[in-house]
Amino acid sequence: MPMQPPRPRQARLPLIFAVGGALALLTLGARADAATLTGNAALTSDYVWRGSSQSRGDPAVQAGFKLAGDSGVYASVWGSSVEFAPSTHASSELDFTLGWAGQLAPDWTLDANLLHYRYPGTTADLNWTELNGTLTYADRYWLALGYSNRALGGRDAGLYTQLGARLPVNERLRFEAAAGYYRFDRDARSTLQDGYAHGQLSAIWAVKAPLELRLSAHATDRDAERLFGDDYAGDRIEAALQASF
């Protein structure tokens, strides 16, 4: 995420992830026959997250793995190249997730997780943790919420809300649309705005399994531009080659 003012760096991974990750892997490992390992990879022209570029408009390489059990418990790690302000020396992002995903009722599913964003090798403390939940209906419509008491790695609490829809055209083509709002509970010393809004529209074409081509149009309001700057926010087009396996 775009950086906040530098603070003393904390190099220790939060204890909850060290313990929780070990427990999750032990649980899944104890029943290896009931665990599923999946992965994903992407090459994108611009790493856009919640409307703002994490690569300053430059290409990014991304990959991740997920280990999930039949109970719905899962652990995952995902990484991407990033490009923040030169003073941070941030060049990579690693996301560690512990969660549960499953069916609540016919057509209704829930994914609840704790996600830790980590930026190895930086000269500023940009690491932060977020509690997330996504409620999905009929595998087509979703409501996602994300809360952190250190949103974007800063001093402020933040609540992110997103509404989205997945609209299949045929077996090879689908559209996805989403609108989100990030609201901040500002600290007295904060330089953040009260919040910002963004929207995106994507067309995804299944080239040949497991490859897909994605073209996305992103837009943010002026509050996002004032918060992140023109290099990171505003209108932009993103193209990506992605795969799931």
C-alpha atoms as a PDB file:
ATOM      1  CA  MET A   1       0.000   0.000   0.000  1.00  0.00           C
ATOM      2  CA  PRO A   2       1.219   3.585  -0.482  1.00  0.00           C
ATOM      3  CA  MET A   3       3.464   4.420   2.407  1.00  0.00           C
ATOM      4  CA  GLN A   4       2.696   6.365   5.555  1.00  0.00           C
ATOM      5  CA  PRO A   5       5.247   8.590   7.371  1.00  0.00           C
ATOM      6  CA  PRO A   6       8.243   6.461   8.503  1.00  0.00           C
ATOM      7  CA  ARG A   7       8.212   4.982  12.003  1.00  0.00           C
ATOM      8  CA  PRO A   8      10.687   2.727  13.810  1.00  0.00           C
ATOM      9  CA  ARG A   9      10.691  -0.619  12.063  1.00  0.00           C
ATOM     10  CA  GLN A  10       9.254  -3.698  13.782  1.00  0.00           C
ATOM     11  CA  ALA A  11      10.946  -6.769  12.346  1.00  0.00           C
ATOM     12  CA  ARG A  12       9.090  -9.405  14.404  1.00  0.00           C
ATOM     13  CA  LEU A  13       6.153 -11.195  12.778  1.00  0.00           C
ATOM     14  CA  PRO A  14       3.111 -10.920  15.074  1.00  0.00           C
ATOM     15  CA  LEU A  15       2.868 -13.827  17.484  1.00  0.00           C
ATOM     16  CA  ILE A  16      -0.691 -14.616  16.410  1.00  0.00           C
ATOM     17  CA  PHE A  17       0.528 -15.477  12.913  1.00  0.00           C
ATOM     18  CA  ALA A  18       3.458 -17.541  14.090  1.00  0.00           C
ATOM     19  CA  VAL A  19       1.281 -19.582  16.447  1.00  0.00           C
ATOM     20  CA  GLY A  20      -1.855 -19.585  14.290  1.00  0.00           C
ATOM     21  CA  GLY A  21       0.073 -20.504  11.165  1.00  0.00           C
ATOM     22  CA  ALA A  22       1.794 -23.388  12.905  1.00  0.00           C
ATOM     23  CA  LEU A  23      -1.493 -24.699  14.293  1.00  0.00           C
ATOM     24  CA  ALA A  24      -3.220 -24.420  10.924  1.00  0.00           C
ATOM     25  CA  LEU A  25      -0.427 -26.216   9.092  1.00  0.00           C
ATOM     26  CA  LEU A  26      -0.224 -28.918  11.758  1.00  0.00           C
ATOM     27  CA  THR A  27      -3.983 -29.459  11.557  1.00  0.00           C
ATOM     28  CA  LEU A  28      -3.949 -29.648   7.788  1.00  0.00           C
ATOM     29  CA  GLY A  29      -0.769 -31.690   7.728  1.00  0.00           C
ATOM     30  CA  ALA A  30      -2.196 -34.235  10.161  1.00  0.00           C
ATOM     31  CA  ARG A  31      -4.852 -34.995   7.541  1.00  0.00           C
ATOM     32  CA  ALA A  32      -2.860 -34.532   4.344  1.00  0.00           C
ATOM     33  CA  ASP A  33      -5.363 -36.652   2.450  1.00  0.00           C
ATOM     34  CA  ALA A  34      -8.066 -34.076   3.252  1.00  0.00           C
ATOM     35  CA  ALA A  35      -5.964 -31.018   2.381  1.00  0.00           C
ATOM     36  CA  THR A  36      -5.832 -29.293  -1.001  1.00  0.00           C
ATOM     37  CA  LEU A  37      -2.927 -27.200  -2.272  1.00  0.00           C
ATOM     38  CA  THR A  38      -3.725 -24.593  -4.923  1.00  0.00           C
ATOM     39  CA  GLY A  39      -1.772 -21.738  -6.452  1.00  0.00           C
ATOM     40  CA  ASN A  40      -2.014 -18.676  -8.628  1.00  0.00           C
ATOM     41  CA  ALA A  41       0.315 -16.428 -10.603  1.00  0.00           C
ATOM     42  CA  ALA A  42      -0.023 -13.222 -12.600  1.00  0.00           C
ATOM     43  CA  LEU A  43       1.935 -10.765 -14.686  1.00  0.00           C
ATOM     44  CA  THR A  44       0.171  -7.407 -14.624  1.00  0.00           C
ATOM     45  CA  SER A  45       0.847  -4.030 -16.209  1.00  0.00           C
ATOM     46  CA  ASP A  46      -0.019  -2.282 -12.918  1.00  0.00           C
ATOM     47  CA  TYR A  47      -0.635  -3.665  -9.414  1.00  0.00           C
ATOM     48  CA  VAL A  48      -3.844  -1.873  -8.389  1.00  0.00           C
ATOM     49  CA  TRP A  49      -5.212  -2.458  -4.860  1.00  0.00           C
ATOM     50  CA  ARG A  50      -8.451  -0.834  -3.730  1.00  0.00           C
ATOM     51  CA  GLY A  51      -8.150   1.734  -6.487  1.00  0.00           C
ATOM     52  CA  SER A  52      -4.541   2.807  -5.897  1.00  0.00           C
ATOM     53  CA  SER A  53      -1.429   1.599  -7.691  1.00  0.00           C
ATOM     54  CA  GLN A  54       1.099  -0.310  -5.600  1.00  0.00           C
ATOM     55  CA  SER A  55       3.684  -0.298  -8.386  1.00  0.00           C
ATOM     56  CA  ARG A  56       3.523   3.371  -9.433  1.00  0.00           C
ATOM     57  CA  GLY A  57       1.952   2.360 -12.733  1.00  0.00           C
ATOM     58  CA  ASP A  58       4.719  -0.116 -13.580  1.00  0.00           C
ATOM     59  CA  PRO A  59       4.342  -3.882 -14.238  1.00  0.00           C
ATOM     60  CA  ALA A  60       4.306  -6.336 -11.328  1.00  0.00           C
ATOM     61  CA  VAL A  61       4.899 -10.072 -10.931  1.00  0.00           C
ATOM     62  CA  GLN A  62       2.662 -11.950  -8.468  1.00  0.00           C
ATOM     63  CA  ALA A  63       2.256 -15.499  -7.148  1.00  0.00           C
ATOM     64  CA  GLY A  64       0.620 -17.300  -4.232  1.00  0.00           C
ATOM     65  CA  PHE A  65      -0.195 -20.654  -2.654  1.00  0.00           C
ATOM     66  CA  LYS A  66      -3.081 -21.817  -0.473  1.00  0.00           C
ATOM     67  CA  LEU A  67      -3.442 -24.936   1.681  1.00  0.00           C
ATOM     68  CA  ALA A  68      -7.062 -25.699   2.605  1.00  0.00           C
ATOM     69  CA  GLY A  69      -8.670 -28.491   4.592  1.00  0.00           C
ATOM     70  CA  ASP A  70     -12.088 -30.083   4.213  1.00  0.00           C
ATOM     71  CA  SER A  71     -13.203 -28.232   7.353  1.00  0.00           C
ATOM     72  CA  GLY A  72     -12.802 -24.900   5.545  1.00  0.00           C
ATOM     73  CA  VAL A  73      -9.723 -23.812   7.513  1.00  0.00           C
ATOM     74  CA  TYR A  74      -6.949 -22.524   5.276  1.00  0.00           C
ATOM     75  CA  ALA A  75      -3.560 -20.820   5.279  1.00  0.00           C
ATOM     76  CA  SER A  76      -2.072 -18.930   2.352  1.00  0.00           C
ATOM     77  CA  VAL A  77       0.856 -16.789   1.302  1.00  0.00           C
ATOM     78  CA  TRP A  78       0.870 -14.378  -1.639  1.00  0.00           C
ATOM     79  CA  GLY A  79       3.544 -12.054  -2.936  1.00  0.00           C
ATOM     80  CA  SER A  80       3.979  -9.224  -5.409  1.00  0.00           C
ATOM     81  CA  SER A  81       6.600  -6.752  -6.534  1.00  0.00           C
ATOM     82  CA  VAL A  82       5.790  -3.175  -5.460  1.00  0.00           C
ATOM     83  CA  GLU A  83       7.181   0.320  -5.982  1.00  0.00           C
ATOM     84  CA  PHE A  84       6.627   2.894  -3.238  1.00  0.00           C
ATOM     85  CA  ALA A  85       8.490   6.124  -2.495  1.00  0.00           C
ATOM     86  CA  PRO A  86      12.275   5.613  -2.962  1.00  0.00           C
ATOM     87  CA  SER A  87      12.940   6.493   0.690  1.00  0.00           C
ATOM     88  CA  THR A  88      11.165   3.314   1.866  1.00  0.00           C
ATOM     89  CA  HIS A  89      13.245   0.904  -0.273  1.00  0.00           C
ATOM     90  CA  ALA A  90      10.083  -1.215  -0.601  1.00  0.00           C
ATOM     91  CA  SER A  91      10.291  -3.605  -3.544  1.00  0.00           C
ATOM     92  CA  SER A  92       8.141  -6.561  -2.469  1.00  0.00           C
ATOM     93  CA  GLU A  93       4.969  -7.391  -0.551  1.00  0.00           C
ATOM     94  CA  LEU A  94       4.123 -10.652   1.204  1.00  0.00           C
ATOM     95  CA  ASP A  95       0.586 -11.381   2.446  1.00  0.00           C
ATOM     96  CA  PHE A  96       0.067 -14.099   5.073  1.00  0.00           C
ATOM     97  CA  THR A  97      -3.529 -15.220   5.629  1.00  0.00           C
ATOM     98  CA  LEU A  98      -5.262 -17.528   8.122  1.00  0.00           C
ATOM     99  CA  GLY A  99      -8.963 -18.076   7.592  1.00  0.00           C
ATOM    100  CA  TRP A 100     -12.068 -20.159   7.183  1.00  0.00           C
ATOM    101  CA  ALA A 101     -14.289 -20.401   4.129  1.00  0.00           C
ATOM    102  CA  GLY A 102     -17.489 -22.386   3.786  1.00  0.00           C
ATOM    103  CA  GLN A 103     -21.184 -22.497   3.033  1.00  0.00           C
ATOM    104  CA  LEU A 104     -23.614 -20.831   5.442  1.00  0.00           C
ATOM    105  CA  ALA A 105     -26.804 -21.746   3.562  1.00  0.00           C
ATOM    106  CA  PRO A 106     -27.804 -22.702   0.023  1.00  0.00           C
ATOM    107  CA  ASP A 107     -26.243 -20.089  -2.309  1.00  0.00           C
ATOM    108  CA  TRP A 108     -24.547 -18.253   0.598  1.00  0.00           C
ATOM    109  CA  THR A 109     -20.832 -18.591   1.438  1.00  0.00           C
ATOM    110  CA  LEU A 110     -18.550 -16.798   3.887  1.00  0.00           C
ATOM    111  CA  ASP A 111     -14.803 -16.245   3.914  1.00  0.00           C
ATOM    112  CA  ALA A 112     -13.442 -14.823   7.194  1.00  0.00           C
ATOM    113  CA  ASN A 113      -9.723 -14.310   7.653  1.00  0.00           C
ATOM    114  CA  LEU A 114      -6.888 -12.480   9.334  1.00  0.00           C
ATOM    115  CA  LEU A 115      -4.419 -11.040   6.833  1.00  0.00           C
ATOM    116  CA  HIS A 116      -0.933  -9.682   7.542  1.00  0.00           C
ATOM    117  CA  TYR A 117       0.715  -7.383   4.976  1.00  0.00           C
ATOM    118  CA  ARG A 118       4.501  -7.459   5.176  1.00  0.00           C
ATOM    119  CA  TYR A 119       7.176  -5.534   3.263  1.00  0.00           C
ATOM    120  CA  PRO A 120      10.629  -7.157   3.629  1.00  0.00           C
ATOM    121  CA  GLY A 121      13.742  -5.009   3.492  1.00  0.00           C
ATOM    122  CA  THR A 122      12.062  -1.622   3.979  1.00  0.00           C
ATOM    123  CA  THR A 123      13.539   1.223   6.018  1.00  0.00           C
ATOM    124  CA  ALA A 124      10.110   2.168   7.421  1.00  0.00           C
ATOM    125  CA  ASP A 125       7.541   0.173   9.393  1.00  0.00           C
ATOM    126  CA  LEU A 126       4.928  -0.454   6.712  1.00  0.00           C
ATOM    127  CA  ASN A 127       3.681  -3.813   8.059  1.00  0.00           C
ATOM    128  CA  TRP A 128       0.086  -4.107   9.240  1.00  0.00           C
ATOM    129  CA  THR A 129      -2.733  -6.592   9.889  1.00  0.00           C
ATOM    130  CA  GLU A 130      -6.394  -6.618   8.837  1.00  0.00           C
ATOM    131  CA  LEU A 131      -9.515  -8.610   9.713  1.00  0.00           C
ATOM    132  CA  ASN A 132     -11.559  -9.450   6.599  1.00  0.00           C
ATOM    133  CA  GLY A 133     -14.899 -11.003   5.752  1.00  0.00           C
ATOM    134  CA  THR A 134     -16.574 -11.645   2.397  1.00  0.00           C
ATOM    135  CA  LEU A 135     -20.203 -12.784   2.059  1.00  0.00           C
ATOM    136  CA  THR A 136     -21.048 -14.177  -1.390  1.00  0.00           C
ATOM    137  CA  TYR A 137     -24.419 -15.028  -2.922  1.00  0.00           C
ATOM    138  CA  ALA A 138     -24.797 -17.558  -5.757  1.00  0.00           C
ATOM    139  CA  ASP A 139     -21.082 -17.196  -6.557  1.00  0.00           C
ATOM    140  CA  ARG A 140     -21.984 -13.940  -8.327  1.00  0.00           C
ATOM    141  CA  TYR A 141     -22.539 -11.110  -5.830  1.00  0.00           C
ATOM    142  CA  TRP A 142     -20.433 -10.218  -2.823  1.00  0.00           C
ATOM    143  CA  LEU A 143     -20.053  -7.844   0.103  1.00  0.00           C
ATOM    144  CA  ALA A 144     -16.534  -7.533   1.530  1.00  0.00           C
ATOM    145  CA  LEU A 145     -15.431  -5.772   4.720  1.00  0.00           C
ATOM    146  CA  GLY A 146     -11.903  -5.175   5.988  1.00  0.00           C
ATOM    147  CA  TYR A 147     -10.962  -3.556   9.318  1.00  0.00           C
ATOM    148  CA  SER A 148      -7.607  -2.594  10.816  1.00  0.00           C
ATOM    149  CA  ASN A 149      -6.607  -0.366  13.730  1.00  0.00           C
ATOM    150  CA  ARG A 150      -3.512   0.556  11.656  1.00  0.00           C
ATOM    151  CA  ALA A 151      -4.960   0.948   8.181  1.00  0.00           C
ATOM    152  CA  LEU A 152      -2.339   1.211   5.433  1.00  0.00           C
ATOM    153  CA  GLY A 153       0.317   0.733   8.115  1.00  0.00           C
ATOM    154  CA  GLY A 154      -0.401   4.141   9.660  1.00  0.00           C
ATOM    155  CA  ARG A 155      -1.848   5.473  12.917  1.00  0.00           C
ATOM    156  CA  ASP A 156      -5.487   5.424  11.810  1.00  0.00           C
ATOM    157  CA  ALA A 157      -8.172   2.789  12.092  1.00  0.00           C
ATOM    158  CA  GLY A 158      -9.820   2.058   8.769  1.00  0.00           C
ATOM    159  CA  LEU A 159     -12.877   0.204   7.492  1.00  0.00           C
ATOM    160  CA  TYR A 160     -13.003  -0.856   3.856  1.00  0.00           C
ATOM    161  CA  THR A 161     -16.331  -1.827   2.257  1.00  0.00           C
ATOM    162  CA  GLN A 162     -16.795  -3.264  -1.211  1.00  0.00           C
ATOM    163  CA  LEU A 163     -19.829  -4.397  -3.225  1.00  0.00           C
ATOM    164  CA  GLY A 164     -19.215  -6.490  -6.325  1.00  0.00           C
ATOM    165  CA  ALA A 165     -20.817  -8.599  -9.020  1.00  0.00           C
ATOM    166  CA  ARG A 166     -19.565 -11.324 -11.322  1.00  0.00           C
ATOM    167  CA  LEU A 167     -21.476 -11.524 -14.637  1.00  0.00           C
ATOM    168  CA  PRO A 168     -20.686 -14.524 -16.872  1.00  0.00           C
ATOM    169  CA  VAL A 169     -21.382 -14.089 -20.586  1.00  0.00           C
ATOM    170  CA  ASN A 170     -20.404 -17.615 -21.609  1.00  0.00           C
ATOM    171  CA  GLU A 171     -17.906 -20.284 -20.600  1.00  0.00           C
ATOM    172  CA  ARG A 172     -14.952 -18.178 -21.721  1.00  0.00           C
ATOM    173  CA  LEU A 173     -15.947 -14.578 -21.016  1.00  0.00           C
ATOM    174  CA  ARG A 174     -17.137 -12.861 -17.853  1.00  0.00           C
ATOM    175  CA  PHE A 175     -17.353  -9.330 -16.510  1.00  0.00           C
ATOM    176  CA  GLU A 176     -16.705  -8.218 -12.931  1.00  0.00           C
ATOM    177  CA  ALA A 177     -17.691  -4.878 -11.424  1.00  0.00           C
ATOM    178  CA  ALA A 178     -16.970  -3.538  -7.938  1.00  0.00           C
ATOM    179  CA  ALA A 179     -17.285  -0.301  -5.975  1.00  0.00           C
ATOM    180  CA  GLY A 180     -15.548   0.356  -2.690  1.00  0.00           C
ATOM    181  CA  TYR A 181     -15.159   2.983   0.005  1.00  0.00           C
ATOM    182  CA  TYR A 182     -12.286   3.241   2.490  1.00  0.00           C
ATOM    183  CA  ARG A 183     -13.199   5.206   5.642  1.00  0.00           C
ATOM    184  CA  PHE A 184     -10.546   6.312   8.147  1.00  0.00           C
ATOM    185  CA  ASP A 185     -10.949   7.194  11.813  1.00  0.00           C
ATOM    186  CA  ARG A 186      -8.206   9.777  11.819  1.00  0.00           C
ATOM    187  CA  ASP A 187      -5.603  10.240  14.527  1.00  0.00           C
ATOM    188  CA  ALA A 188      -5.008  13.873  15.525  1.00  0.00           C
ATOM    189  CA  ARG A 189      -1.534  13.662  13.929  1.00  0.00           C
ATOM    190  CA  SER A 190      -2.785  12.010  10.755  1.00  0.00           C
ATOM    191  CA  THR A 191      -2.456  13.439   7.258  1.00  0.00           C
ATOM    192  CA  LEU A 192      -5.162  11.151   5.830  1.00  0.00           C
ATOM    193  CA  GLN A 193      -8.454  12.305   4.376  1.00  0.00           C
ATOM    194  CA  ASP A 194     -11.655  11.022   5.989  1.00  0.00           C
ATOM    195  CA  GLY A 195     -11.838   8.413   3.243  1.00  0.00           C
ATOM    196  CA  TYR A 196     -12.013   7.829  -0.486  1.00  0.00           C
ATOM    197  CA  ALA A 197     -14.112   5.938  -3.050  1.00  0.00           C
ATOM    198  CA  HIS A 198     -13.149   3.894  -6.062  1.00  0.00           C
ATOM    199  CA  GLY A 199     -14.688   1.659  -8.717  1.00  0.00           C
ATOM    200  CA  GLN A 200     -13.501  -0.898 -11.225  1.00  0.00           C
ATOM    201  CA  LEU A 201     -14.812  -2.836 -14.205  1.00  0.00           C
ATOM    202  CA  SER A 202     -13.025  -5.918 -15.549  1.00  0.00           C
ATOM    203  CA  ALA A 203     -13.399  -8.213 -18.534  1.00  0.00           C
ATOM    204  CA  ILE A 204     -11.847 -11.675 -18.099  1.00  0.00           C
ATOM    205  CA  TRP A 205     -11.314 -14.028 -21.009  1.00  0.00           C
ATOM    206  CA  ALA A 206     -10.362 -17.668 -20.456  1.00  0.00           C
ATOM    207  CA  VAL A 207      -7.670 -18.207 -23.085  1.00  0.00           C
ATOM    208  CA  LYS A 208      -6.801 -21.824 -22.356  1.00  0.00           C
ATOM    209  CA  ALA A 209      -6.865 -23.466 -18.946  1.00  0.00           C
ATOM    210  CA  PRO A 210      -5.379 -22.355 -16.662  1.00  0.00           C
ATOM    211  CA  LEU A 211      -4.549 -19.049 -18.430  1.00  0.00           C
ATOM    212  CA  GLU A 212      -6.821 -15.992 -18.412  1.00  0.00           C
ATOM    213  CA  LEU A 213      -6.485 -12.473 -19.788  1.00  0.00           C
ATOM    214  CA  ARG A 214      -7.918  -9.643 -17.672  1.00  0.00           C
ATOM    215  CA  LEU A 215      -8.489  -6.015 -18.676  1.00  0.00           C
ATOM    216  CA  SER A 216      -9.564  -3.656 -15.877  1.00  0.00           C
ATOM    217  CA  ALA A 217     -10.534   0.004 -15.759  1.00  0.00           C
ATOM    218  CA  HIS A 218     -10.057   1.712 -12.366  1.00  0.00           C
ATOM    219  CA  ALA A 219     -11.275   5.083 -11.128  1.00  0.00           C
ATOM    220  CA  THR A 220     -10.912   6.942  -7.818  1.00  0.00           C
ATOM    221  CA  ASP A 221     -12.322  10.163  -6.444  1.00  0.00           C
ATOM    222  CA  ARG A 222     -10.280  13.298  -5.753  1.00  0.00           C
ATOM    223  CA  ASP A 223      -9.837  12.377  -2.090  1.00  0.00           C
ATOM    224  CA  ALA A 224      -7.761   9.395  -3.209  1.00  0.00           C
ATOM    225  CA  GLU A 225      -5.645  11.613  -5.441  1.00  0.00           C
ATOM    226  CA  ARG A 226      -5.018  14.031  -2.575  1.00  0.00           C
ATOM    227  CA  LEU A 227      -4.152  11.135  -0.275  1.00  0.00           C
ATOM    228  CA  PHE A 228      -1.869   9.077  -2.522  1.00  0.00           C
ATOM    229  CA  GLY A 229      -0.824  11.471  -5.296  1.00  0.00           C
ATOM    230  CA  ASP A 230      -1.294  11.313  -9.054  1.00  0.00           C
ATOM    231  CA  ASP A 231       1.300   8.544  -9.480  1.00  0.00           C
ATOM    232  CA  TYR A 232      -0.791   6.166  -7.367  1.00  0.00           C
ATOM    233  CA  ALA A 233      -4.457   7.211  -7.716  1.00  0.00           C
ATOM    234  CA  GLY A 234      -6.833   8.424 -10.396  1.00  0.00           C
ATOM    235  CA  ASP A 235      -8.106   6.752 -13.567  1.00  0.00           C
ATOM    236  CA  ARG A 236      -6.001   3.916 -14.973  1.00  0.00           C
ATOM    237  CA  ILE A 237      -6.160   0.813 -17.158  1.00  0.00           C
ATOM    238  CA  GLU A 238      -4.634  -2.489 -16.061  1.00  0.00           C
ATOM    239  CA  ALA A 239      -3.962  -5.567 -18.209  1.00  0.00           C
ATOM    240  CA  ALA A 240      -2.923  -8.919 -16.765  1.00  0.00           C
ATOM    241  CA  LEU A 241      -2.147 -12.494 -17.731  1.00  0.00           C
ATOM    242  CA  GLN A 242      -3.177 -14.718 -14.819  1.00  0.00           C
ATOM    243  CA  ALA A 243      -3.409 -18.418 -13.980  1.00  0.00           C
ATOM    244  CA  SER A 244      -4.852 -20.593 -11.230  1.00  0.00           C
ATOM    245  CA  PHE A 245      -3.647 -24.144 -10.647  1.00  0.00           C
END
